[in-house]
Amino acid sequence: MPDDPRILTGEPIVEVIDESPPAHPPPVAARPRPASSPDGRRS
């Protein structure tokens, strides 16, 4: 990806990958809902 500004500036790609996961937590819809506590009941 030559268009990536990080590469052009010489920024380490590892920093971008390491910063992505914690910055973007998985949505609630993607997380498995417990059978004992349905989403409808929690509301």
Protein backbone atom coordinates (compact mmCIF):
# COMPACT_ATOMS: atom_id res chain seq x y z
CA MET A 1 0.00 0.00 0.00
CA PRO A 2 2.22 2.82 -1.27
CA ASP A 3 -0.65 5.26 -0.75
CA ASP A 4 -0.48 4.72 3.01
CA PRO A 5 0.84 7.95 4.62
CA ARG A 6 2.31 5.90 7.48
CA ILE A 7 4.67 4.12 5.09
CA LEU A 8 5.64 7.35 3.32
CA THR A 9 6.48 9.02 6.62
CA GLY A 10 8.34 5.93 7.80
CA GLU A 11 5.89 5.08 10.58
CA PRO A 12 6.05 1.44 11.79
CA ILE A 13 3.12 -0.59 10.43
CA VAL A 14 3.06 -2.57 13.69
CA GLU A 15 1.90 0.54 15.52
CA VAL A 16 -1.17 0.83 13.28
CA ILE A 17 -2.12 -2.84 13.70
CA ASP A 18 -1.56 -2.73 17.46
CA GLU A 19 -3.67 0.40 17.76
CA SER A 20 -6.62 -0.89 15.72
CA PRO A 21 -8.00 -3.76 17.89
CA PRO A 22 -8.21 -1.85 21.22
CA ALA A 23 -9.55 1.26 19.49
CA HIS A 24 -12.36 -0.68 17.80
CA PRO A 25 -14.12 -3.01 20.28
CA PRO A 26 -16.49 -5.65 18.86
CA PRO A 27 -20.13 -4.52 18.57
CA VAL A 28 -22.68 -5.91 21.03
CA ALA A 29 -24.58 -7.53 18.16
CA ALA A 30 -21.51 -9.58 17.23
CA ARG A 31 -21.01 -10.81 20.79
CA PRO A 32 -22.80 -14.05 21.76
CA ARG A 33 -25.79 -13.39 24.00
CA PRO A 34 -26.04 -15.56 27.17
CA ALA A 35 -29.05 -17.92 27.18
CA SER A 36 -29.76 -17.13 30.84
CA SER A 37 -30.02 -13.40 30.10
CA PRO A 38 -31.62 -12.69 26.70
CA ASP A 39 -31.09 -9.23 25.21
CA GLY A 40 -34.82 -8.50 25.43
CA ARG A 41 -34.90 -9.35 29.12
CA ARG A 42 -31.92 -7.11 29.91
CA SER A 43 -33.87 -4.11 28.64
